[in-house]
Amino acid sequence: MLGLPEEERNGVFIAENAHRSGSPTQDLQGKRSTAQAPSLPLLAYGFLLTGLGTALLGPILPLLAARHHLSDASIGLLPLAQFLGATVGGMTVFRRPQYSFGTGAFAAAAGLSLFAIAPALPMLMAVLFAGAWGIGQMIASSNVIAGSRYTQNRASALTLLNALFSVGALLSPLFASWFTPHMPLRSILWGFAALFAIAALLFAFERSRSPIDVPESTSAAASDVPSLGLPLFLFFVLLLARYGAYESSFNVWLTTS
């Protein structure tokens, strides 16, 4: 090796290292695949936002009822629209959950923006359903992304990230109580919509810098997952219905009484 010219020595050196560690192109692709969007800070921000958005409706229901002259029976349709939207959003996550995160953030921002200027109950329900659909997309996709990305400590990672959802749910009524005496409801809703719009823009920025790759083994791994039996499925449906009932009771009606 010492008797070779410098160019040949360099050529041999490159060939040897390529044999040992793979081509530079493969290394670059490996680095790109490990830095996928959304990043961990954006995931954490998304969990916090979904908590804020989910718990916002209850504290502002009296303002909405007075603004649109709605009875208790009519105003109760809004939590129904929110719950249905979030449920449908969680059930319709895309094959690539990263896209559901970005789409959900955009839908939540658009839904809150239109909710602020909706003139009547039917429009309020429609745009609230759309915004809640976006929040449901974000919640489900964030859990899927975190669970598939942090496989060694999946339980602790999901617990910590979902704790941010709880923090957001606790902060939302506080923000509503602080801001409603000093700001119009429309401005408050637009402020929350701006937070979701920031998440959508950050995702688009990260998406442009780190393409989303789906491992080839995804389909094979998905086919190995056992199917959910009907009794167990109905059991989870019952739990979901009870959760929705309790959340509506404690988060919506108790905060307005």
C-alpha atoms as a PDB file:
ATOM      1  CA  MET A   1       0.000   0.000   0.000  1.00  0.00           C
ATOM      2  CA  LEU A   2       2.823   2.415   0.717  1.00  0.00           C
ATOM      3  CA  GLY A   3       4.246   1.968  -2.777  1.00  0.00           C
ATOM      4  CA  LEU A   4       1.065   3.055  -4.544  1.00  0.00           C
ATOM      5  CA  PRO A   5       0.553   6.596  -5.800  1.00  0.00           C
ATOM      6  CA  GLU A   6      -1.552   8.890  -3.713  1.00  0.00           C
ATOM      7  CA  GLU A   7      -4.517   8.689  -6.114  1.00  0.00           C
ATOM      8  CA  GLU A   8      -4.478   4.889  -6.052  1.00  0.00           C
ATOM      9  CA  ARG A   9      -3.980   4.839  -2.313  1.00  0.00           C
ATOM     10  CA  ASN A  10      -7.006   7.083  -1.955  1.00  0.00           C
ATOM     11  CA  GLY A  11      -8.950   4.837  -4.298  1.00  0.00           C
ATOM     12  CA  VAL A  12      -8.076   1.763  -2.292  1.00  0.00           C
ATOM     13  CA  PHE A  13      -8.873   3.600   0.909  1.00  0.00           C
ATOM     14  CA  ILE A  14     -12.327   4.574  -0.346  1.00  0.00           C
ATOM     15  CA  ALA A  15     -13.039   1.060  -1.582  1.00  0.00           C
ATOM     16  CA  GLU A  16     -12.015  -0.473   1.709  1.00  0.00           C
ATOM     17  CA  ASN A  17     -14.154   1.908   3.736  1.00  0.00           C
ATOM     18  CA  ALA A  18     -17.084   1.440   1.384  1.00  0.00           C
ATOM     19  CA  HIS A  19     -16.794  -2.312   1.952  1.00  0.00           C
ATOM     20  CA  ARG A  20     -16.731  -1.841   5.715  1.00  0.00           C
ATOM     21  CA  SER A  21     -19.340   0.827   6.339  1.00  0.00           C
ATOM     22  CA  GLY A  22     -21.472   1.030   3.199  1.00  0.00           C
ATOM     23  CA  SER A  23     -21.641   3.662   0.497  1.00  0.00           C
ATOM     24  CA  PRO A  24     -21.858   7.358   1.435  1.00  0.00           C
ATOM     25  CA  THR A  25     -25.230   7.536  -0.288  1.00  0.00           C
ATOM     26  CA  GLN A  26     -26.598   4.784   1.922  1.00  0.00           C
ATOM     27  CA  ASP A  27     -25.236   6.501   5.013  1.00  0.00           C
ATOM     28  CA  LEU A  28     -26.902   9.749   4.000  1.00  0.00           C
ATOM     29  CA  GLN A  29     -30.193   8.015   3.389  1.00  0.00           C
ATOM     30  CA  GLY A  30     -29.918   6.378   6.782  1.00  0.00           C
ATOM     31  CA  LYS A  31     -29.426   9.740   8.445  1.00  0.00           C
ATOM     32  CA  ARG A  32     -32.364  11.227   6.597  1.00  0.00           C
ATOM     33  CA  SER A  33     -34.639   8.373   7.587  1.00  0.00           C
ATOM     34  CA  THR A  34     -33.822   8.841  11.274  1.00  0.00           C
ATOM     35  CA  ALA A  35     -34.774  12.545  11.193  1.00  0.00           C
ATOM     36  CA  GLN A  36     -38.346  12.244  10.020  1.00  0.00           C
ATOM     37  CA  ALA A  37     -41.078  14.791  10.488  1.00  0.00           C
ATOM     38  CA  PRO A  38     -42.607  15.515  12.913  1.00  0.00           C
ATOM     39  CA  SER A  39     -39.671  15.891  15.266  1.00  0.00           C
ATOM     40  CA  LEU A  40     -39.896  15.114  18.968  1.00  0.00           C
ATOM     41  CA  PRO A  41     -40.366  18.804  19.986  1.00  0.00           C
ATOM     42  CA  LEU A  42     -43.142  19.152  17.416  1.00  0.00           C
ATOM     43  CA  LEU A  43     -44.768  15.945  18.649  1.00  0.00           C
ATOM     44  CA  ALA A  44     -44.690  17.292  22.207  1.00  0.00           C
ATOM     45  CA  TYR A  45     -46.131  20.602  21.016  1.00  0.00           C
ATOM     46  CA  GLY A  46     -48.870  18.692  19.206  1.00  0.00           C
ATOM     47  CA  PHE A  47     -49.815  16.742  22.329  1.00  0.00           C
ATOM     48  CA  LEU A  48     -50.043  20.000  24.272  1.00  0.00           C
ATOM     49  CA  LEU A  49     -52.190  21.595  21.562  1.00  0.00           C
ATOM     50  CA  THR A  50     -54.634  18.710  21.393  1.00  0.00           C
ATOM     51  CA  GLY A  51     -55.206  19.012  25.129  1.00  0.00           C
ATOM     52  CA  LEU A  52     -55.823  22.741  24.770  1.00  0.00           C
ATOM     53  CA  GLY A  53     -58.215  22.264  21.883  1.00  0.00           C
ATOM     54  CA  THR A  54     -60.146  19.392  23.439  1.00  0.00           C
ATOM     55  CA  ALA A  55     -60.872  21.171  26.731  1.00  0.00           C
ATOM     56  CA  LEU A  56     -61.594  24.613  25.279  1.00  0.00           C
ATOM     57  CA  LEU A  57     -65.262  24.109  24.445  1.00  0.00           C
ATOM     58  CA  GLY A  58     -66.605  23.648  27.974  1.00  0.00           C
ATOM     59  CA  PRO A  59     -65.514  26.981  29.483  1.00  0.00           C
ATOM     60  CA  ILE A  60     -66.776  29.009  26.508  1.00  0.00           C
ATOM     61  CA  LEU A  61     -70.206  27.338  26.206  1.00  0.00           C
ATOM     62  CA  PRO A  62     -71.990  30.066  28.253  1.00  0.00           C
ATOM     63  CA  LEU A  63     -70.510  32.727  25.977  1.00  0.00           C
ATOM     64  CA  LEU A  64     -71.589  30.803  22.896  1.00  0.00           C
ATOM     65  CA  ALA A  65     -75.098  30.307  24.291  1.00  0.00           C
ATOM     66  CA  ALA A  66     -75.474  34.020  25.022  1.00  0.00           C
ATOM     67  CA  ARG A  67     -73.937  35.072  21.717  1.00  0.00           C
ATOM     68  CA  HIS A  68     -76.166  32.858  19.558  1.00  0.00           C
ATOM     69  CA  HIS A  69     -79.213  32.774  21.893  1.00  0.00           C
ATOM     70  CA  LEU A  70     -79.101  28.999  22.304  1.00  0.00           C
ATOM     71  CA  SER A  71     -80.949  26.895  24.870  1.00  0.00           C
ATOM     72  CA  ASP A  72     -79.301  24.167  26.926  1.00  0.00           C
ATOM     73  CA  ALA A  73     -80.705  21.521  24.599  1.00  0.00           C
ATOM     74  CA  SER A  74     -79.296  23.295  21.548  1.00  0.00           C
ATOM     75  CA  ILE A  75     -75.912  24.092  23.036  1.00  0.00           C
ATOM     76  CA  GLY A  76     -75.561  20.421  23.989  1.00  0.00           C
ATOM     77  CA  LEU A  77     -75.246  19.579  20.299  1.00  0.00           C
ATOM     78  CA  LEU A  78     -71.832  21.245  20.210  1.00  0.00           C
ATOM     79  CA  PRO A  79     -70.112  18.731  22.548  1.00  0.00           C
ATOM     80  CA  LEU A  80     -71.770  15.999  20.489  1.00  0.00           C
ATOM     81  CA  ALA A  81     -70.279  17.412  17.281  1.00  0.00           C
ATOM     82  CA  GLN A  82     -66.879  17.722  18.940  1.00  0.00           C
ATOM     83  CA  PHE A  83     -66.896  14.157  20.247  1.00  0.00           C
ATOM     84  CA  LEU A  84     -68.065  12.703  16.931  1.00  0.00           C
ATOM     85  CA  GLY A  85     -65.475  14.699  15.007  1.00  0.00           C
ATOM     86  CA  ALA A  86     -62.620  13.581  17.242  1.00  0.00           C
ATOM     87  CA  THR A  87     -63.812   9.969  17.073  1.00  0.00           C
ATOM     88  CA  VAL A  88     -64.037   9.966  13.286  1.00  0.00           C
ATOM     89  CA  GLY A  89     -60.656  11.699  13.096  1.00  0.00           C
ATOM     90  CA  GLY A  90     -59.031   9.006  15.187  1.00  0.00           C
ATOM     91  CA  MET A  91     -60.584   6.274  13.037  1.00  0.00           C
ATOM     92  CA  THR A  92     -59.485   7.735   9.696  1.00  0.00           C
ATOM     93  CA  VAL A  93     -55.745   8.154  10.193  1.00  0.00           C
ATOM     94  CA  PHE A  94     -53.824   7.919   6.925  1.00  0.00           C
ATOM     95  CA  ARG A  95     -51.520   5.039   6.045  1.00  0.00           C
ATOM     96  CA  ARG A  96     -48.636   7.401   6.732  1.00  0.00           C
ATOM     97  CA  PRO A  97     -49.572   8.900  10.110  1.00  0.00           C
ATOM     98  CA  GLN A  98     -47.131  11.771   9.629  1.00  0.00           C
ATOM     99  CA  TYR A  99     -49.471  13.204   7.023  1.00  0.00           C
ATOM    100  CA  SER A 100     -52.368  12.880   9.460  1.00  0.00           C
ATOM    101  CA  PHE A 101     -50.436  15.013  11.938  1.00  0.00           C
ATOM    102  CA  GLY A 102     -49.960  17.851   9.444  1.00  0.00           C
ATOM    103  CA  THR A 103     -53.447  17.555   7.966  1.00  0.00           C
ATOM    104  CA  GLY A 104     -54.991  17.432  11.415  1.00  0.00           C
ATOM    105  CA  ALA A 105     -53.168  20.561  12.555  1.00  0.00           C
ATOM    106  CA  PHE A 106     -54.351  22.416   9.452  1.00  0.00           C
ATOM    107  CA  ALA A 107     -57.943  21.178   9.870  1.00  0.00           C
ATOM    108  CA  ALA A 108     -57.977  22.189  13.542  1.00  0.00           C
ATOM    109  CA  ALA A 109     -56.685  25.661  12.680  1.00  0.00           C
ATOM    110  CA  ALA A 110     -59.273  26.099   9.928  1.00  0.00           C
ATOM    111  CA  GLY A 111     -62.084  24.733  12.088  1.00  0.00           C
ATOM    112  CA  LEU A 112     -61.340  27.071  14.998  1.00  0.00           C
ATOM    113  CA  SER A 113     -60.990  30.055  12.672  1.00  0.00           C
ATOM    114  CA  LEU A 114     -64.379  29.386  11.068  1.00  0.00           C
ATOM    115  CA  PHE A 115     -65.930  28.541  14.435  1.00  0.00           C
ATOM    116  CA  ALA A 116     -65.078  32.059  15.577  1.00  0.00           C
ATOM    117  CA  ILE A 117     -67.218  33.626  12.833  1.00  0.00           C
ATOM    118  CA  ALA A 118     -69.918  30.977  12.337  1.00  0.00           C
ATOM    119  CA  PRO A 119     -73.317  32.734  12.387  1.00  0.00           C
ATOM    120  CA  ALA A 120     -75.687  29.942  13.463  1.00  0.00           C
ATOM    121  CA  LEU A 121     -75.857  26.558  15.185  1.00  0.00           C
ATOM    122  CA  PRO A 122     -75.715  24.363  12.037  1.00  0.00           C
ATOM    123  CA  MET A 123     -72.556  26.101  10.862  1.00  0.00           C
ATOM    124  CA  LEU A 124     -71.113  25.967  14.376  1.00  0.00           C
ATOM    125  CA  MET A 125     -71.634  22.214  14.466  1.00  0.00           C
ATOM    126  CA  ALA A 126     -70.152  21.682  10.997  1.00  0.00           C
ATOM    127  CA  VAL A 127     -66.940  23.626  11.564  1.00  0.00           C
ATOM    128  CA  LEU A 128     -66.580  22.249  15.099  1.00  0.00           C
ATOM    129  CA  PHE A 129     -66.847  18.739  13.679  1.00  0.00           C
ATOM    130  CA  ALA A 130     -64.122  19.583  11.151  1.00  0.00           C
ATOM    131  CA  GLY A 131     -61.839  21.080  13.781  1.00  0.00           C
ATOM    132  CA  ALA A 132     -62.393  18.158  16.152  1.00  0.00           C
ATOM    133  CA  TRP A 133     -61.703  15.790  13.253  1.00  0.00           C
ATOM    134  CA  GLY A 134     -58.311  17.463  12.913  1.00  0.00           C
ATOM    135  CA  ILE A 135     -57.633  17.122  16.630  1.00  0.00           C
ATOM    136  CA  GLY A 136     -58.597  13.446  16.469  1.00  0.00           C
ATOM    137  CA  GLN A 137     -56.192  12.979  13.570  1.00  0.00           C
ATOM    138  CA  MET A 138     -53.402  14.593  15.576  1.00  0.00           C
ATOM    139  CA  ILE A 139     -54.076  12.565  18.724  1.00  0.00           C
ATOM    140  CA  ALA A 140     -54.172   9.194  16.990  1.00  0.00           C
ATOM    141  CA  SER A 141     -51.282   9.855  14.604  1.00  0.00           C
ATOM    142  CA  SER A 142     -49.060  11.258  17.363  1.00  0.00           C
ATOM    143  CA  ASN A 143     -49.535   8.113  19.437  1.00  0.00           C
ATOM    144  CA  VAL A 144     -48.853   5.896  16.423  1.00  0.00           C
ATOM    145  CA  ILE A 145     -45.716   7.847  15.497  1.00  0.00           C
ATOM    146  CA  ALA A 146     -44.361   7.888  19.045  1.00  0.00           C
ATOM    147  CA  GLY A 147     -45.147   4.214  19.580  1.00  0.00           C
ATOM    148  CA  SER A 148     -43.397   3.136  16.382  1.00  0.00           C
ATOM    149  CA  ARG A 149     -40.436   5.463  16.823  1.00  0.00           C
ATOM    150  CA  TYR A 150     -39.536   4.731  20.460  1.00  0.00           C
ATOM    151  CA  THR A 151     -39.876   0.965  20.554  1.00  0.00           C
ATOM    152  CA  GLN A 152     -37.511   0.243  23.455  1.00  0.00           C
ATOM    153  CA  ASN A 153     -39.328   2.477  25.951  1.00  0.00           C
ATOM    154  CA  ARG A 154     -42.691   2.743  24.233  1.00  0.00           C
ATOM    155  CA  ALA A 155     -44.809   2.796  27.389  1.00  0.00           C
ATOM    156  CA  SER A 156     -42.791   5.502  29.134  1.00  0.00           C
ATOM    157  CA  ALA A 157     -42.543   7.610  25.971  1.00  0.00           C
ATOM    158  CA  LEU A 158     -46.290   7.507  25.391  1.00  0.00           C
ATOM    159  CA  THR A 159     -46.974   8.218  29.050  1.00  0.00           C
ATOM    160  CA  LEU A 160     -44.742  11.286  29.066  1.00  0.00           C
ATOM    161  CA  LEU A 161     -46.138  12.638  25.809  1.00  0.00           C
ATOM    162  CA  ASN A 162     -49.732  12.063  26.861  1.00  0.00           C
ATOM    163  CA  ALA A 163     -48.950  13.893  30.099  1.00  0.00           C
ATOM    164  CA  LEU A 164     -48.533  16.969  27.903  1.00  0.00           C
ATOM    165  CA  PHE A 165     -52.076  16.412  26.658  1.00  0.00           C
ATOM    166  CA  SER A 166     -53.238  16.517  30.277  1.00  0.00           C
ATOM    167  CA  VAL A 167     -51.258  19.705  30.867  1.00  0.00           C
ATOM    168  CA  GLY A 168     -52.926  21.308  27.860  1.00  0.00           C
ATOM    169  CA  ALA A 169     -56.353  20.175  29.045  1.00  0.00           C
ATOM    170  CA  LEU A 170     -55.673  21.769  32.441  1.00  0.00           C
ATOM    171  CA  LEU A 171     -54.360  25.010  30.967  1.00  0.00           C
ATOM    172  CA  SER A 172     -57.216  25.522  28.523  1.00  0.00           C
ATOM    173  CA  PRO A 173     -59.880  26.449  31.128  1.00  0.00           C
ATOM    174  CA  LEU A 174     -57.354  28.676  32.879  1.00  0.00           C
ATOM    175  CA  PHE A 175     -56.580  30.532  29.672  1.00  0.00           C
ATOM    176  CA  ALA A 176     -60.286  30.877  28.957  1.00  0.00           C
ATOM    177  CA  SER A 177     -60.947  32.329  32.416  1.00  0.00           C
ATOM    178  CA  TRP A 178     -58.035  34.753  32.058  1.00  0.00           C
ATOM    179  CA  PHE A 179     -58.763  35.966  28.548  1.00  0.00           C
ATOM    180  CA  THR A 180     -62.564  36.055  28.284  1.00  0.00           C
ATOM    181  CA  PRO A 181     -63.014  39.074  30.604  1.00  0.00           C
ATOM    182  CA  HIS A 182     -60.547  41.118  28.556  1.00  0.00           C
ATOM    183  CA  MET A 183     -60.800  39.859  24.965  1.00  0.00           C
ATOM    184  CA  PRO A 184     -63.621  39.068  22.538  1.00  0.00           C
ATOM    185  CA  LEU A 185     -64.355  35.380  22.117  1.00  0.00           C
ATOM    186  CA  ARG A 186     -63.575  35.647  18.426  1.00  0.00           C
ATOM    187  CA  SER A 187     -60.039  36.841  19.160  1.00  0.00           C
ATOM    188  CA  ILE A 188     -59.486  34.035  21.666  1.00  0.00           C
ATOM    189  CA  LEU A 189     -60.565  31.405  19.152  1.00  0.00           C
ATOM    190  CA  TRP A 190     -58.347  32.917  16.484  1.00  0.00           C
ATOM    191  CA  GLY A 191     -55.451  32.821  18.932  1.00  0.00           C
ATOM    192  CA  PHE A 192     -55.958  29.096  19.518  1.00  0.00           C
ATOM    193  CA  ALA A 193     -56.304  28.595  15.765  1.00  0.00           C
ATOM    194  CA  ALA A 194     -52.970  30.352  15.270  1.00  0.00           C
ATOM    195  CA  LEU A 195     -51.293  27.847  17.597  1.00  0.00           C
ATOM    196  CA  PHE A 196     -52.506  24.969  15.426  1.00  0.00           C
ATOM    197  CA  ALA A 197     -51.501  26.850  12.276  1.00  0.00           C
ATOM    198  CA  ILE A 198     -47.983  27.176  13.692  1.00  0.00           C
ATOM    199  CA  ALA A 199     -47.889  23.405  14.185  1.00  0.00           C
ATOM    200  CA  ALA A 200     -48.994  22.868  10.573  1.00  0.00           C
ATOM    201  CA  LEU A 201     -46.343  25.271   9.267  1.00  0.00           C
ATOM    202  CA  LEU A 202     -43.623  23.680  11.386  1.00  0.00           C
ATOM    203  CA  PHE A 203     -44.599  20.274  10.065  1.00  0.00           C
ATOM    204  CA  ALA A 204     -44.470  21.541   6.477  1.00  0.00           C
ATOM    205  CA  PHE A 205     -41.019  23.006   7.145  1.00  0.00           C
ATOM    206  CA  GLU A 206     -39.726  19.770   8.686  1.00  0.00           C
ATOM    207  CA  ARG A 207     -41.352  17.767   5.902  1.00  0.00           C
ATOM    208  CA  SER A 208     -39.424  19.754   3.279  1.00  0.00           C
ATOM    209  CA  ARG A 209     -36.137  19.094   5.074  1.00  0.00           C
ATOM    210  CA  SER A 210     -36.629  15.436   5.988  1.00  0.00           C
ATOM    211  CA  PRO A 211     -38.730  13.341   3.588  1.00  0.00           C
ATOM    212  CA  ILE A 212     -41.131  10.854   5.104  1.00  0.00           C
ATOM    213  CA  ASP A 213     -40.079   7.266   4.483  1.00  0.00           C
ATOM    214  CA  VAL A 214     -42.154   4.193   5.202  1.00  0.00           C
ATOM    215  CA  PRO A 215     -40.143   1.026   5.914  1.00  0.00           C
ATOM    216  CA  GLU A 216     -40.756  -1.813   3.493  1.00  0.00           C
ATOM    217  CA  SER A 217     -41.520  -4.114   6.405  1.00  0.00           C
ATOM    218  CA  THR A 218     -44.501  -2.018   7.486  1.00  0.00           C
ATOM    219  CA  SER A 219     -47.036  -3.958   5.451  1.00  0.00           C
ATOM    220  CA  ALA A 220     -45.580  -7.304   6.469  1.00  0.00           C
ATOM    221  CA  ALA A 221     -45.544  -6.312  10.127  1.00  0.00           C
ATOM    222  CA  ALA A 222     -49.115  -5.049   9.895  1.00  0.00           C
ATOM    223  CA  SER A 223     -50.249  -8.358   8.418  1.00  0.00           C
ATOM    224  CA  ASP A 224     -48.816 -10.227  11.415  1.00  0.00           C
ATOM    225  CA  VAL A 225     -50.966  -8.311  13.898  1.00  0.00           C
ATOM    226  CA  PRO A 226     -53.847 -10.505  15.102  1.00  0.00           C
ATOM    227  CA  SER A 227     -57.329  -9.271  14.310  1.00  0.00           C
ATOM    228  CA  LEU A 228     -59.480  -7.800  17.064  1.00  0.00           C
ATOM    229  CA  GLY A 229     -62.357 -10.080  17.989  1.00  0.00           C
ATOM    230  CA  LEU A 230     -65.914  -8.751  18.044  1.00  0.00           C
ATOM    231  CA  PRO A 231     -66.421  -9.083  21.847  1.00  0.00           C
ATOM    232  CA  LEU A 232     -63.208  -7.199  22.563  1.00  0.00           C
ATOM    233  CA  PHE A 233     -64.083  -4.598  19.941  1.00  0.00           C
ATOM    234  CA  LEU A 234     -67.509  -4.023  21.518  1.00  0.00           C
ATOM    235  CA  PHE A 235     -65.850  -3.764  24.921  1.00  0.00           C
ATOM    236  CA  PHE A 236     -63.598  -0.959  23.702  1.00  0.00           C
ATOM    237  CA  VAL A 237     -66.591   0.736  22.056  1.00  0.00           C
ATOM    238  CA  LEU A 238     -68.355   0.688  25.429  1.00  0.00           C
ATOM    239  CA  LEU A 239     -65.290   2.152  27.140  1.00  0.00           C
ATOM    240  CA  LEU A 240     -65.087   4.889  24.516  1.00  0.00           C
ATOM    241  CA  ALA A 241     -68.762   5.752  24.964  1.00  0.00           C
ATOM    242  CA  ARG A 242     -68.370   5.932  28.740  1.00  0.00           C
ATOM    243  CA  TYR A 243     -65.277   8.085  28.344  1.00  0.00           C
ATOM    244  CA  GLY A 244     -67.187  10.488  26.108  1.00  0.00           C
ATOM    245  CA  ALA A 245     -70.054  10.658  28.583  1.00  0.00           C
ATOM    246  CA  TYR A 246     -67.795  11.357  31.549  1.00  0.00           C
ATOM    247  CA  GLU A 247     -65.729  13.902  29.659  1.00  0.00           C
ATOM    248  CA  SER A 248     -68.836  15.758  28.515  1.00  0.00           C
ATOM    249  CA  SER A 249     -70.220  15.706  32.058  1.00  0.00           C
ATOM    250  CA  PHE A 250     -67.138  16.924  33.886  1.00  0.00           C
ATOM    251  CA  ASN A 251     -65.473  19.056  31.232  1.00  0.00           C
ATOM    252  CA  VAL A 252     -68.560  20.702  29.755  1.00  0.00           C
ATOM    253  CA  TRP A 253     -71.574  20.826  32.015  1.00  0.00           C
ATOM    254  CA  LEU A 254     -69.865  21.088  35.409  1.00  0.00           C
ATOM    255  CA  THR A 255     -67.724  23.985  34.191  1.00  0.00           C
ATOM    256  CA  THR A 256     -70.836  25.893  33.105  1.00  0.00           C
ATOM    257  CA  SER A 257     -73.016  25.273  36.165  1.00  0.00           C
END
